Amino acid sequence: MKLIVSRNQSDMKGLLGGHKGVKFNLRAHVQLTPEEQQLAERYMILKKWLPTELAAGMMGAKKVPEFGDLLTPVAFEYESLEVLLEKEEELKKVCAGVKNYIDVARSFGGQDVFEF
């Protein structure tokens, strides 16, 4: 699984053309291997809801965005660089969680050994 992000910024202009700050844009999408895609579809992992805090910045998002929505590029817009970085970390956590689901789905029919 790959999470691909690109960042951009745009100046905000005031009514009379003055500088009003910067908007920060994050574009993200996930690439799955064919095996990961098959497992995600079989076990309905693509239907896993995205955290509400993360979905708040999604442009054009439906009411409850799902992980599968990230298979196509999704745009996010934030008012501060700090928030952009926080949301990028949330995206990474979501992907790590989904990767864990896929790894567990891949393990059915076998066994895991946990050594402590």
PDB file of N, CA and C in Angstrom:
ATOM      1  N   MET A   1       0.850  -1.171   0.000  1.00  0.00           N
ATOM      2  CA  MET A   1       0.000   0.000   0.000  1.00  0.00           C
ATOM      3  C   MET A   1       0.893   1.230   0.000  1.00  0.00           C
ATOM      4  N   LYS A   2       0.503   2.196  -0.791  1.00  0.00           N
ATOM      5  CA  LYS A   2       1.204   3.473  -0.836  1.00  0.00           C
ATOM      6  C   LYS A   2       0.211   4.606  -0.605  1.00  0.00           C
ATOM      7  N   LEU A   3       0.614   5.551   0.224  1.00  0.00           N
ATOM      8  CA  LEU A   3      -0.130   6.794   0.388  1.00  0.00           C
ATOM      9  C   LEU A   3       0.666   7.861  -0.340  1.00  0.00           C
ATOM     10  N   ILE A   4       0.056   8.478  -1.316  1.00  0.00           N
ATOM     11  CA  ILE A   4       0.724   9.504  -2.115  1.00  0.00           C
ATOM     12  C   ILE A   4       0.078  10.845  -1.803  1.00  0.00           C
ATOM     13  N   VAL A   5       0.895  11.792  -1.336  1.00  0.00           N
ATOM     14  CA  VAL A   5       0.376  13.112  -0.996  1.00  0.00           C
ATOM     15  C   VAL A   5       1.143  14.179  -1.760  1.00  0.00           C
ATOM     16  N   SER A   6       0.446  15.231  -2.067  1.00  0.00           N
ATOM     17  CA  SER A   6       1.087  16.427  -2.622  1.00  0.00           C
ATOM     18  C   SER A   6       0.506  17.621  -1.889  1.00  0.00           C
ATOM     19  N   ARG A   7       1.362  18.577  -1.641  1.00  0.00           N
ATOM     20  CA  ARG A   7       0.961  19.779  -0.895  1.00  0.00           C
ATOM     21  C   ARG A   7       1.083  20.985  -1.793  1.00  0.00           C
ATOM     22  N   ASN A   8       0.190  21.921  -1.569  1.00  0.00           N
ATOM     23  CA  ASN A   8       0.214  23.160  -2.330  1.00  0.00           C
ATOM     24  C   ASN A   8      -0.334  24.265  -1.438  1.00  0.00           C
ATOM     25  N   GLN A   9      -0.169  25.473  -1.876  1.00  0.00           N
ATOM     26  CA  GLN A   9      -0.706  26.603  -1.130  1.00  0.00           C
ATOM     27  C   GLN A   9      -1.212  27.644  -2.106  1.00  0.00           C
ATOM     28  N   SER A  10      -2.111  28.465  -1.635  1.00  0.00           N
ATOM     29  CA  SER A  10      -2.610  29.557  -2.469  1.00  0.00           C
ATOM     30  C   SER A  10      -2.850  30.768  -1.577  1.00  0.00           C
ATOM     31  N   ASP A  11      -2.572  31.929  -2.112  1.00  0.00           N
ATOM     32  CA  ASP A  11      -2.790  33.169  -1.373  1.00  0.00           C
ATOM     33  C   ASP A  11      -4.272  33.486  -1.342  1.00  0.00           C
ATOM     34  N   MET A  12      -4.720  33.968  -0.199  1.00  0.00           N
ATOM     35  CA  MET A  12      -6.102  34.429  -0.078  1.00  0.00           C
ATOM     36  C   MET A  12      -6.079  35.938  -0.275  1.00  0.00           C
ATOM     37  N   LYS A  13      -6.963  36.425  -1.106  1.00  0.00           N
ATOM     38  CA  LYS A  13      -7.045  37.858  -1.393  1.00  0.00           C
ATOM     39  C   LYS A  13      -8.255  38.454  -0.700  1.00  0.00           C
ATOM     40  N   GLY A  14      -8.087  39.671  -0.241  1.00  0.00           N
ATOM     41  CA  GLY A  14      -9.188  40.391   0.366  1.00  0.00           C
ATOM     42  C   GLY A  14     -10.090  40.991  -0.693  1.00  0.00           C
ATOM     43  N   LEU A  15     -11.131  41.621  -0.271  1.00  0.00           N
ATOM     44  CA  LEU A  15     -12.106  42.233  -1.163  1.00  0.00           C
ATOM     45  C   LEU A  15     -11.454  43.259  -2.085  1.00  0.00           C
ATOM     46  N   LEU A  16     -10.481  43.977  -1.580  1.00  0.00           N
ATOM     47  CA  LEU A  16      -9.808  44.994  -2.386  1.00  0.00           C
ATOM     48  C   LEU A  16      -8.469  44.495  -2.934  1.00  0.00           C
ATOM     49  N   GLY A  17      -8.259  43.187  -2.896  1.00  0.00           N
ATOM     50  CA  GLY A  17      -7.047  42.610  -3.474  1.00  0.00           C
ATOM     51  C   GLY A  17      -5.882  42.493  -2.519  1.00  0.00           C
ATOM     52  N   GLY A  18      -6.055  42.885  -1.276  1.00  0.00           N
ATOM     53  CA  GLY A  18      -4.978  42.781  -0.299  1.00  0.00           C
ATOM     54  C   GLY A  18      -4.750  41.341   0.138  1.00  0.00           C
ATOM     55  N   HIS A  19      -3.571  41.067   0.657  1.00  0.00           N
ATOM     56  CA  HIS A  19      -3.209  39.730   1.113  1.00  0.00           C
ATOM     57  C   HIS A  19      -3.927  39.397   2.417  1.00  0.00           C
ATOM     58  N   LYS A  20      -4.635  38.259   2.455  1.00  0.00           N
ATOM     59  CA  LYS A  20      -5.404  37.859   3.634  1.00  0.00           C
ATOM     60  C   LYS A  20      -4.893  36.545   4.228  1.00  0.00           C
ATOM     61  N   GLY A  21      -3.713  36.109   3.827  1.00  0.00           N
ATOM     62  CA  GLY A  21      -3.167  34.868   4.359  1.00  0.00           C
ATOM     63  C   GLY A  21      -3.008  33.822   3.277  1.00  0.00           C
ATOM     64  N   VAL A  22      -2.837  32.589   3.725  1.00  0.00           N
ATOM     65  CA  VAL A  22      -2.567  31.479   2.814  1.00  0.00           C
ATOM     66  C   VAL A  22      -3.502  30.321   3.149  1.00  0.00           C
ATOM     67  N   LYS A  23      -3.998  29.650   2.125  1.00  0.00           N
ATOM     68  CA  LYS A  23      -4.744  28.404   2.284  1.00  0.00           C
ATOM     69  C   LYS A  23      -3.802  27.277   1.899  1.00  0.00           C
ATOM     70  N   PHE A  24      -3.878  26.197   2.649  1.00  0.00           N
ATOM     71  CA  PHE A  24      -3.007  25.064   2.404  1.00  0.00           C
ATOM     72  C   PHE A  24      -3.828  23.907   1.855  1.00  0.00           C
ATOM     73  N   ASN A  25      -3.327  23.322   0.794  1.00  0.00           N
ATOM     74  CA  ASN A  25      -4.036  22.243   0.118  1.00  0.00           C
ATOM     75  C   ASN A  25      -3.230  20.957   0.213  1.00  0.00           C
ATOM     76  N   LEU A  26      -3.932  19.885   0.458  1.00  0.00           N
ATOM     77  CA  LEU A  26      -3.336  18.563   0.518  1.00  0.00           C
ATOM     78  C   LEU A  26      -4.131  17.685  -0.430  1.00  0.00           C
ATOM     79  N   ARG A  27      -3.441  17.004  -1.288  1.00  0.00           N
ATOM     80  CA  ARG A  27      -4.080  16.072  -2.217  1.00  0.00           C
ATOM     81  C   ARG A  27      -3.509  14.705  -1.883  1.00  0.00           C
ATOM     82  N   ALA A  28      -4.376  13.735  -1.687  1.00  0.00           N
ATOM     83  CA  ALA A  28      -3.918  12.414  -1.266  1.00  0.00           C
ATOM     84  C   ALA A  28      -4.686  11.319  -1.984  1.00  0.00           C
ATOM     85  N   HIS A  29      -3.977  10.245  -2.249  1.00  0.00           N
ATOM     86  CA  HIS A  29      -4.661   9.038  -2.684  1.00  0.00           C
ATOM     87  C   HIS A  29      -3.819   7.818  -2.329  1.00  0.00           C
ATOM     88  N   VAL A  30      -4.504   6.687  -2.277  1.00  0.00           N
ATOM     89  CA  VAL A  30      -3.894   5.434  -1.864  1.00  0.00           C
ATOM     90  C   VAL A  30      -3.818   4.510  -3.075  1.00  0.00           C
ATOM     91  N   GLN A  31      -2.682   3.840  -3.183  1.00  0.00           N
ATOM     92  CA  GLN A  31      -2.520   2.810  -4.208  1.00  0.00           C
ATOM     93  C   GLN A  31      -2.378   1.469  -3.502  1.00  0.00           C
ATOM     94  N   LEU A  32      -3.202   0.516  -3.899  1.00  0.00           N
ATOM     95  CA  LEU A  32      -3.144  -0.834  -3.353  1.00  0.00           C
ATOM     96  C   LEU A  32      -2.580  -1.777  -4.402  1.00  0.00           C
ATOM     97  N   THR A  33      -1.866  -2.793  -3.945  1.00  0.00           N
ATOM     98  CA  THR A  33      -1.442  -3.835  -4.872  1.00  0.00           C
ATOM     99  C   THR A  33      -2.694  -4.619  -5.264  1.00  0.00           C
ATOM    100  N   PRO A  34      -2.638  -5.382  -6.351  1.00  0.00           N
ATOM    101  CA  PRO A  34      -3.822  -6.177  -6.721  1.00  0.00           C
ATOM    102  C   PRO A  34      -4.275  -7.114  -5.591  1.00  0.00           C
ATOM    103  N   GLU A  35      -3.334  -7.711  -4.865  1.00  0.00           N
ATOM    104  CA  GLU A  35      -3.702  -8.600  -3.751  1.00  0.00           C
ATOM    105  C   GLU A  35      -4.385  -7.801  -2.639  1.00  0.00           C
ATOM    106  N   GLU A  36      -3.834  -6.641  -2.289  1.00  0.00           N
ATOM    107  CA  GLU A  36      -4.442  -5.801  -1.256  1.00  0.00           C
ATOM    108  C   GLU A  36      -5.837  -5.353  -1.667  1.00  0.00           C
ATOM    109  N   GLN A  37      -6.002  -4.992  -2.925  1.00  0.00           N
ATOM    110  CA  GLN A  37      -7.307  -4.568  -3.441  1.00  0.00           C
ATOM    111  C   GLN A  37      -8.324  -5.700  -3.306  1.00  0.00           C
ATOM    112  N   GLN A  38      -7.913  -6.908  -3.674  1.00  0.00           N
ATOM    113  CA  GLN A  38      -8.809  -8.064  -3.591  1.00  0.00           C
ATOM    114  C   GLN A  38      -9.216  -8.345  -2.141  1.00  0.00           C
ATOM    115  N   LEU A  39      -8.250  -8.324  -1.231  1.00  0.00           N
ATOM    116  CA  LEU A  39      -8.561  -8.565   0.181  1.00  0.00           C
ATOM    117  C   LEU A  39      -9.440  -7.449   0.750  1.00  0.00           C
ATOM    118  N   ALA A  40      -9.136  -6.209   0.394  1.00  0.00           N
ATOM    119  CA  ALA A  40      -9.916  -5.066   0.889  1.00  0.00           C
ATOM    120  C   ALA A  40     -11.362  -5.148   0.415  1.00  0.00           C
ATOM    121  N   GLU A  41     -11.564  -5.592  -0.801  1.00  0.00           N
ATOM    122  CA  GLU A  41     -12.923  -5.746  -1.318  1.00  0.00           C
ATOM    123  C   GLU A  41     -13.634  -6.929  -0.649  1.00  0.00           C
ATOM    124  N   ARG A  42     -12.939  -8.049  -0.530  1.00  0.00           N
ATOM    125  CA  ARG A  42     -13.549  -9.247   0.051  1.00  0.00           C
ATOM    126  C   ARG A  42     -13.993  -9.019   1.491  1.00  0.00           C
ATOM    127  N   TYR A  43     -13.155  -8.369   2.274  1.00  0.00           N
ATOM    128  CA  TYR A  43     -13.449  -8.163   3.693  1.00  0.00           C
ATOM    129  C   TYR A  43     -14.065  -6.791   3.975  1.00  0.00           C
ATOM    130  N   MET A  44     -14.483  -6.115   2.934  1.00  0.00           N
ATOM    131  CA  MET A  44     -15.179  -4.829   3.017  1.00  0.00           C
ATOM    132  C   MET A  44     -14.374  -3.778   3.791  1.00  0.00           C
ATOM    133  N   ILE A  45     -13.067  -3.847   3.662  1.00  0.00           N
ATOM    134  CA  ILE A  45     -12.194  -2.883   4.331  1.00  0.00           C
ATOM    135  C   ILE A  45     -12.325  -1.501   3.686  1.00  0.00           C
ATOM    136  N   LEU A  46     -12.660  -1.469   2.411  1.00  0.00           N
ATOM    137  CA  LEU A  46     -12.810  -0.182   1.719  1.00  0.00           C
ATOM    138  C   LEU A  46     -13.991   0.611   2.266  1.00  0.00           C
ATOM    139  N   LYS A  47     -14.899  -0.068   2.978  1.00  0.00           N
ATOM    140  CA  LYS A  47     -16.068   0.599   3.558  1.00  0.00           C
ATOM    141  C   LYS A  47     -15.769   1.199   4.933  1.00  0.00           C
ATOM    142  N   LYS A  48     -14.538   1.003   5.408  1.00  0.00           N
ATOM    143  CA  LYS A  48     -14.151   1.543   6.720  1.00  0.00           C
ATOM    144  C   LYS A  48     -14.254   3.064   6.678  1.00  0.00           C
ATOM    145  N   TRP A  49     -14.978   3.634   7.632  1.00  0.00           N
ATOM    146  CA  TRP A  49     -15.195   5.082   7.657  1.00  0.00           C
ATOM    147  C   TRP A  49     -13.924   5.817   8.029  1.00  0.00           C
ATOM    148  N   LEU A  50     -13.741   6.963   7.437  1.00  0.00           N
ATOM    149  CA  LEU A  50     -12.630   7.830   7.811  1.00  0.00           C
ATOM    150  C   LEU A  50     -13.011   8.613   9.057  1.00  0.00           C
ATOM    151  N   PRO A  51     -12.047   8.920   9.920  1.00  0.00           N
ATOM    152  CA  PRO A  51     -12.359   9.701  11.114  1.00  0.00           C
ATOM    153  C   PRO A  51     -13.010  11.035  10.750  1.00  0.00           C
ATOM    154  N   THR A  52     -13.975  11.444  11.532  1.00  0.00           N
ATOM    155  CA  THR A  52     -14.722  12.676  11.269  1.00  0.00           C
ATOM    156  C   THR A  52     -13.803  13.885  11.173  1.00  0.00           C
ATOM    157  N   GLU A  53     -12.786  13.934  12.051  1.00  0.00           N
ATOM    158  CA  GLU A  53     -11.868  15.077  12.049  1.00  0.00           C
ATOM    159  C   GLU A  53     -11.115  15.167  10.728  1.00  0.00           C
ATOM    160  N   LEU A  54     -10.740  14.024  10.178  1.00  0.00           N
ATOM    161  CA  LEU A  54     -10.022  14.011   8.914  1.00  0.00           C
ATOM    162  C   LEU A  54     -10.947  14.390   7.770  1.00  0.00           C
ATOM    163  N   ALA A  55     -12.150  13.861   7.783  1.00  0.00           N
ATOM    164  CA  ALA A  55     -13.107  14.107   6.713  1.00  0.00           C
ATOM    165  C   ALA A  55     -13.553  15.561   6.659  1.00  0.00           C
ATOM    166  N   ALA A  56     -13.414  16.287   7.763  1.00  0.00           N
ATOM    167  CA  ALA A  56     -13.872  17.678   7.813  1.00  0.00           C
ATOM    168  C   ALA A  56     -13.192  18.554   6.762  1.00  0.00           C
ATOM    169  N   GLY A  57     -11.962  18.271   6.410  1.00  0.00           N
ATOM    170  CA  GLY A  57     -11.256  19.093   5.436  1.00  0.00           C
ATOM    171  C   GLY A  57     -11.401  18.623   4.003  1.00  0.00           C
ATOM    172  N   MET A  58     -12.083  17.485   3.790  1.00  0.00           N
ATOM    173  CA  MET A  58     -12.229  16.950   2.433  1.00  0.00           C
ATOM    174  C   MET A  58     -13.145  17.845   1.622  1.00  0.00           C
ATOM    175  N   MET A  59     -12.690  18.202   0.452  1.00  0.00           N
ATOM    176  CA  MET A  59     -13.501  19.037  -0.428  1.00  0.00           C
ATOM    177  C   MET A  59     -14.454  18.140  -1.208  1.00  0.00           C
ATOM    178  N   GLY A  60     -15.727  18.464  -1.183  1.00  0.00           N
ATOM    179  CA  GLY A  60     -16.731  17.701  -1.916  1.00  0.00           C
ATOM    180  C   GLY A  60     -17.005  16.342  -1.312  1.00  0.00           C
ATOM    181  N   ALA A  61     -16.764  16.188  -0.014  1.00  0.00           N
ATOM    182  CA  ALA A  61     -16.950  14.881   0.623  1.00  0.00           C
ATOM    183  C   ALA A  61     -18.424  14.580   0.838  1.00  0.00           C
ATOM    184  N   LYS A  62     -18.756  13.287   0.716  1.00  0.00           N
ATOM    185  CA  LYS A  62     -20.100  12.866   1.081  1.00  0.00           C
ATOM    186  C   LYS A  62     -20.192  12.856   2.592  1.00  0.00           C
ATOM    187  N   LYS A  63     -21.359  12.571   3.127  1.00  0.00           N
ATOM    188  CA  LYS A  63     -21.564  12.672   4.577  1.00  0.00           C
ATOM    189  C   LYS A  63     -20.562  11.849   5.379  1.00  0.00           C
ATOM    190  N   VAL A  64     -20.380  10.595   5.039  1.00  0.00           N
ATOM    191  CA  VAL A  64     -19.463   9.730   5.780  1.00  0.00           C
ATOM    192  C   VAL A  64     -18.450   9.137   4.799  1.00  0.00           C
ATOM    193  N   PRO A  65     -17.328   9.809   4.595  1.00  0.00           N
ATOM    194  CA  PRO A  65     -16.335   9.295   3.656  1.00  0.00           C
ATOM    195  C   PRO A  65     -15.730   7.975   4.146  1.00  0.00           C
ATOM    196  N   GLU A  66     -15.418   7.125   3.198  1.00  0.00           N
ATOM    197  CA  GLU A  66     -14.866   5.806   3.495  1.00  0.00           C
ATOM    198  C   GLU A  66     -13.436   5.723   2.989  1.00  0.00           C
ATOM    199  N   PHE A  67     -12.706   4.732   3.492  1.00  0.00           N
ATOM    200  CA  PHE A  67     -11.333   4.558   3.064  1.00  0.00           C
ATOM    201  C   PHE A  67     -11.255   4.380   1.544  1.00  0.00           C
ATOM    202  N   GLY A  68     -12.207   3.685   0.966  1.00  0.00           N
ATOM    203  CA  GLY A  68     -12.221   3.454  -0.483  1.00  0.00           C
ATOM    204  C   GLY A  68     -12.252   4.738  -1.295  1.00  0.00           C
ATOM    205  N   ASP A  69     -12.731   5.824  -0.698  1.00  0.00           N
ATOM    206  CA  ASP A  69     -12.747   7.111  -1.393  1.00  0.00           C
ATOM    207  C   ASP A  69     -11.333   7.596  -1.690  1.00  0.00           C
ATOM    208  N   LEU A  70     -10.360   7.114  -0.929  1.00  0.00           N
ATOM    209  CA  LEU A  70      -8.968   7.537  -1.125  1.00  0.00           C
ATOM    210  C   LEU A  70      -8.284   6.832  -2.286  1.00  0.00           C
ATOM    211  N   LEU A  71      -8.975   5.884  -2.925  1.00  0.00           N
ATOM    212  CA  LEU A  71      -8.383   5.206  -4.079  1.00  0.00           C
ATOM    213  C   LEU A  71      -8.316   6.119  -5.296  1.00  0.00           C
ATOM    214  N   THR A  72      -9.050   7.204  -5.256  1.00  0.00           N
ATOM    215  CA  THR A  72      -8.921   8.256  -6.263  1.00  0.00           C
ATOM    216  C   THR A  72      -8.433   9.503  -5.517  1.00  0.00           C
ATOM    217  N   PRO A  73      -7.716  10.373  -6.171  1.00  0.00           N
ATOM    218  CA  PRO A  73      -7.188  11.545  -5.456  1.00  0.00           C
ATOM    219  C   PRO A  73      -8.296  12.367  -4.797  1.00  0.00           C
ATOM    220  N   VAL A  74      -8.038  12.726  -3.550  1.00  0.00           N
ATOM    221  CA  VAL A  74      -8.972  13.510  -2.748  1.00  0.00           C
ATOM    222  C   VAL A  74      -8.269  14.794  -2.330  1.00  0.00           C
ATOM    223  N   ALA A  75      -8.971  15.903  -2.437  1.00  0.00           N
ATOM    224  CA  ALA A  75      -8.402  17.204  -2.071  1.00  0.00           C
ATOM    225  C   ALA A  75      -8.887  17.610  -0.685  1.00  0.00           C
ATOM    226  N   PHE A  76      -7.968  18.159   0.097  1.00  0.00           N
ATOM    227  CA  PHE A  76      -8.262  18.692   1.416  1.00  0.00           C
ATOM    228  C   PHE A  76      -7.798  20.141   1.424  1.00  0.00           C
ATOM    229  N   GLU A  77      -8.477  20.987   2.185  1.00  0.00           N
ATOM    230  CA  GLU A  77      -8.076  22.389   2.278  1.00  0.00           C
ATOM    231  C   GLU A  77      -8.109  22.818   3.743  1.00  0.00           C
ATOM    232  N   TYR A  78      -7.039  23.481   4.171  1.00  0.00           N
ATOM    233  CA  TYR A  78      -6.917  23.892   5.561  1.00  0.00           C
ATOM    234  C   TYR A  78      -6.437  25.333   5.647  1.00  0.00           C
ATOM    235  N   GLU A  79      -6.738  25.956   6.781  1.00  0.00           N
ATOM    236  CA  GLU A  79      -6.391  27.358   6.998  1.00  0.00           C
ATOM    237  C   GLU A  79      -4.985  27.535   7.570  1.00  0.00           C
ATOM    238  N   SER A  80      -4.388  26.452   8.109  1.00  0.00           N
ATOM    239  CA  SER A  80      -3.053  26.611   8.685  1.00  0.00           C
ATOM    240  C   SER A  80      -2.174  25.419   8.332  1.00  0.00           C
ATOM    241  N   LEU A  81      -0.902  25.673   8.326  1.00  0.00           N
ATOM    242  CA  LEU A  81       0.082  24.637   8.053  1.00  0.00           C
ATOM    243  C   LEU A  81       0.060  23.583   9.160  1.00  0.00           C
ATOM    244  N   GLU A  82      -0.155  24.026  10.388  1.00  0.00           N
ATOM    245  CA  GLU A  82      -0.215  23.116  11.522  1.00  0.00           C
ATOM    246  C   GLU A  82      -1.331  22.088  11.334  1.00  0.00           C
ATOM    247  N   VAL A  83      -2.494  22.538  10.921  1.00  0.00           N
ATOM    248  CA  VAL A  83      -3.626  21.632  10.707  1.00  0.00           C
ATOM    249  C   VAL A  83      -3.332  20.685   9.550  1.00  0.00           C
ATOM    250  N   LEU A  84      -2.740  21.190   8.485  1.00  0.00           N
ATOM    251  CA  LEU A  84      -2.390  20.339   7.345  1.00  0.00           C
ATOM    252  C   LEU A  84      -1.491  19.199   7.807  1.00  0.00           C
ATOM    253  N   LEU A  85      -0.472  19.505   8.600  1.00  0.00           N
ATOM    254  CA  LEU A  85       0.441  18.472   9.077  1.00  0.00           C
ATOM    255  C   LEU A  85      -0.254  17.476   9.999  1.00  0.00           C
ATOM    256  N   GLU A  86      -1.163  17.960  10.840  1.00  0.00           N
ATOM    257  CA  GLU A  86      -1.935  17.062  11.712  1.00  0.00           C
ATOM    258  C   GLU A  86      -2.780  16.106  10.881  1.00  0.00           C
ATOM    259  N   LYS A  87      -3.428  16.621   9.862  1.00  0.00           N
ATOM    260  CA  LYS A  87      -4.307  15.793   9.027  1.00  0.00           C
ATOM    261  C   LYS A  87      -3.497  14.796   8.207  1.00  0.00           C
ATOM    262  N   GLU A  88      -2.307  15.209   7.773  1.00  0.00           N
ATOM    263  CA  GLU A  88      -1.443  14.290   7.042  1.00  0.00           C
ATOM    264  C   GLU A  88      -1.058  13.113   7.950  1.00  0.00           C
ATOM    265  N   GLU A  89      -0.772  13.394   9.216  1.00  0.00           N
ATOM    266  CA  GLU A  89      -0.464  12.328  10.176  1.00  0.00           C
ATOM    267  C   GLU A  89      -1.675  11.424  10.391  1.00  0.00           C
ATOM    268  N   GLU A  90      -2.869  12.002  10.441  1.00  0.00           N
ATOM    269  CA  GLU A  90      -4.087  11.202  10.578  1.00  0.00           C
ATOM    270  C   GLU A  90      -4.261  10.276   9.383  1.00  0.00           C
ATOM    271  N   LEU A  91      -3.981  10.782   8.189  1.00  0.00           N
ATOM    272  CA  LEU A  91      -4.049   9.940   6.989  1.00  0.00           C
ATOM    273  C   LEU A  91      -3.095   8.754   7.107  1.00  0.00           C
ATOM    274  N   LYS A  92      -1.890   9.017   7.583  1.00  0.00           N
ATOM    275  CA  LYS A  92      -0.899   7.947   7.751  1.00  0.00           C
ATOM    276  C   LYS A  92      -1.394   6.902   8.752  1.00  0.00           C
ATOM    277  N   LYS A  93      -2.019   7.364   9.846  1.00  0.00           N
ATOM    278  CA  LYS A  93      -2.546   6.434  10.855  1.00  0.00           C
ATOM    279  C   LYS A  93      -3.669   5.582  10.283  1.00  0.00           C
ATOM    280  N   VAL A  94      -4.547   6.214   9.500  1.00  0.00           N
ATOM    281  CA  VAL A  94      -5.642   5.467   8.868  1.00  0.00           C
ATOM    282  C   VAL A  94      -5.067   4.388   7.946  1.00  0.00           C
ATOM    283  N   CYS A  95      -4.073   4.754   7.154  1.00  0.00           N
ATOM    284  CA  CYS A  95      -3.459   3.787   6.235  1.00  0.00           C
ATOM    285  C   CYS A  95      -2.779   2.658   7.004  1.00  0.00           C
ATOM    286  N   ALA A  96      -2.108   2.993   8.106  1.00  0.00           N
ATOM    287  CA  ALA A  96      -1.465   1.956   8.927  1.00  0.00           C
ATOM    288  C   ALA A  96      -2.516   0.996   9.484  1.00  0.00           C
ATOM    289  N   GLY A  97      -3.649   1.532   9.926  1.00  0.00           N
ATOM    290  CA  GLY A  97      -4.726   0.687  10.440  1.00  0.00           C
ATOM    291  C   GLY A  97      -5.298  -0.227   9.367  1.00  0.00           C
ATOM    292  N   VAL A  98      -5.509   0.324   8.178  1.00  0.00           N
ATOM    293  CA  VAL A  98      -6.042  -0.479   7.068  1.00  0.00           C
ATOM    294  C   VAL A  98      -5.022  -1.533   6.656  1.00  0.00           C
ATOM    295  N   LYS A  99      -3.749  -1.174   6.650  1.00  0.00           N
ATOM    296  CA  LYS A  99      -2.690  -2.131   6.314  1.00  0.00           C
ATOM    297  C   LYS A  99      -2.719  -3.289   7.309  1.00  0.00           C
ATOM    298  N   ASN A 100      -2.961  -2.986   8.579  1.00  0.00           N
ATOM    299  CA  ASN A 100      -3.064  -4.031   9.596  1.00  0.00           C
ATOM    300  C   ASN A 100      -4.248  -4.952   9.299  1.00  0.00           C
ATOM    301  N   TYR A 101      -5.411  -4.381   8.961  1.00  0.00           N
ATOM    302  CA  TYR A 101      -6.577  -5.197   8.587  1.00  0.00           C
ATOM    303  C   TYR A 101      -6.223  -6.124   7.417  1.00  0.00           C
ATOM    304  N   ILE A 102      -5.560  -5.583   6.421  1.00  0.00           N
ATOM    305  CA  ILE A 102      -5.200  -6.377   5.244  1.00  0.00           C
ATOM    306  C   ILE A 102      -4.233  -7.496   5.625  1.00  0.00           C
ATOM    307  N   ASP A 103      -3.273  -7.183   6.482  1.00  0.00           N
ATOM    308  CA  ASP A 103      -2.318  -8.209   6.918  1.00  0.00           C
ATOM    309  C   ASP A 103      -3.022  -9.333   7.670  1.00  0.00           C
ATOM    310  N   VAL A 104      -3.990  -8.979   8.512  1.00  0.00           N
ATOM    311  CA  VAL A 104      -4.751 -10.002   9.242  1.00  0.00           C
ATOM    312  C   VAL A 104      -5.596 -10.810   8.254  1.00  0.00           C
ATOM    313  N   ALA A 105      -6.230 -10.142   7.306  1.00  0.00           N
ATOM    314  CA  ALA A 105      -7.038 -10.844   6.303  1.00  0.00           C
ATOM    315  C   ALA A 105      -6.170 -11.812   5.497  1.00  0.00           C
ATOM    316  N   ARG A 106      -4.963 -11.414   5.235  1.00  0.00           N
ATOM    317  CA  ARG A 106      -4.019 -12.243   4.472  1.00  0.00           C
ATOM    318  C   ARG A 106      -3.632 -13.497   5.272  1.00  0.00           C
ATOM    319  N   SER A 107      -3.702 -13.419   6.593  1.00  0.00           N
ATOM    320  CA  SER A 107      -3.212 -14.513   7.442  1.00  0.00           C
ATOM    321  C   SER A 107      -4.224 -15.631   7.673  1.00  0.00           C
ATOM    322  N   PHE A 108      -5.484 -15.461   7.274  1.00  0.00           N
ATOM    323  CA  PHE A 108      -6.468 -16.505   7.516  1.00  0.00           C
ATOM    324  C   PHE A 108      -6.048 -17.797   6.828  1.00  0.00           C
ATOM    325  N   GLY A 109      -6.217 -18.903   7.540  1.00  0.00           N
ATOM    326  CA  GLY A 109      -5.834 -20.197   7.000  1.00  0.00           C
ATOM    327  C   GLY A 109      -4.419 -20.568   7.416  1.00  0.00           C
ATOM    328  N   GLY A 110      -3.762 -19.702   8.150  1.00  0.00           N
ATOM    329  CA  GLY A 110      -2.409 -19.964   8.629  1.00  0.00           C
ATOM    330  C   GLY A 110      -2.354 -19.696  10.119  1.00  0.00           C
ATOM    331  N   GLN A 111      -1.167 -19.474  10.601  1.00  0.00           N
ATOM    332  CA  GLN A 111      -1.047 -19.165  12.021  1.00  0.00           C
ATOM    333  C   GLN A 111       0.025 -18.099  12.218  1.00  0.00           C
ATOM    334  N   ASP A 112      -0.103 -17.369  13.287  1.00  0.00           N
ATOM    335  CA  ASP A 112       0.884 -16.371  13.668  1.00  0.00           C
ATOM    336  C   ASP A 112       1.532 -16.836  14.962  1.00  0.00           C
ATOM    337  N   VAL A 113       2.791 -16.531  15.135  1.00  0.00           N
ATOM    338  CA  VAL A 113       3.498 -16.829  16.359  1.00  0.00           C
ATOM    339  C   VAL A 113       3.950 -15.519  16.961  1.00  0.00           C
ATOM    340  N   PHE A 114       3.529 -15.262  18.192  1.00  0.00           N
ATOM    341  CA  PHE A 114       3.920 -14.054  18.888  1.00  0.00           C
ATOM    342  C   PHE A 114       4.891 -14.439  19.992  1.00  0.00           C
ATOM    343  N   GLU A 115       6.063 -13.906  19.929  1.00  0.00           N
ATOM    344  CA  GLU A 115       7.072 -14.220  20.933  1.00  0.00           C
ATOM    345  C   GLU A 115       7.271 -13.012  21.834  1.00  0.00           C
ATOM    346  N   PHE A 116       7.283 -13.259  23.137  1.00  0.00           N
ATOM    347  CA  PHE A 116       7.436 -12.180  24.110  1.00  0.00           C
ATOM    348  C   PHE A 116       8.668 -12.422  24.948  1.00  0.00           C
TER     349      PHE A 116
END
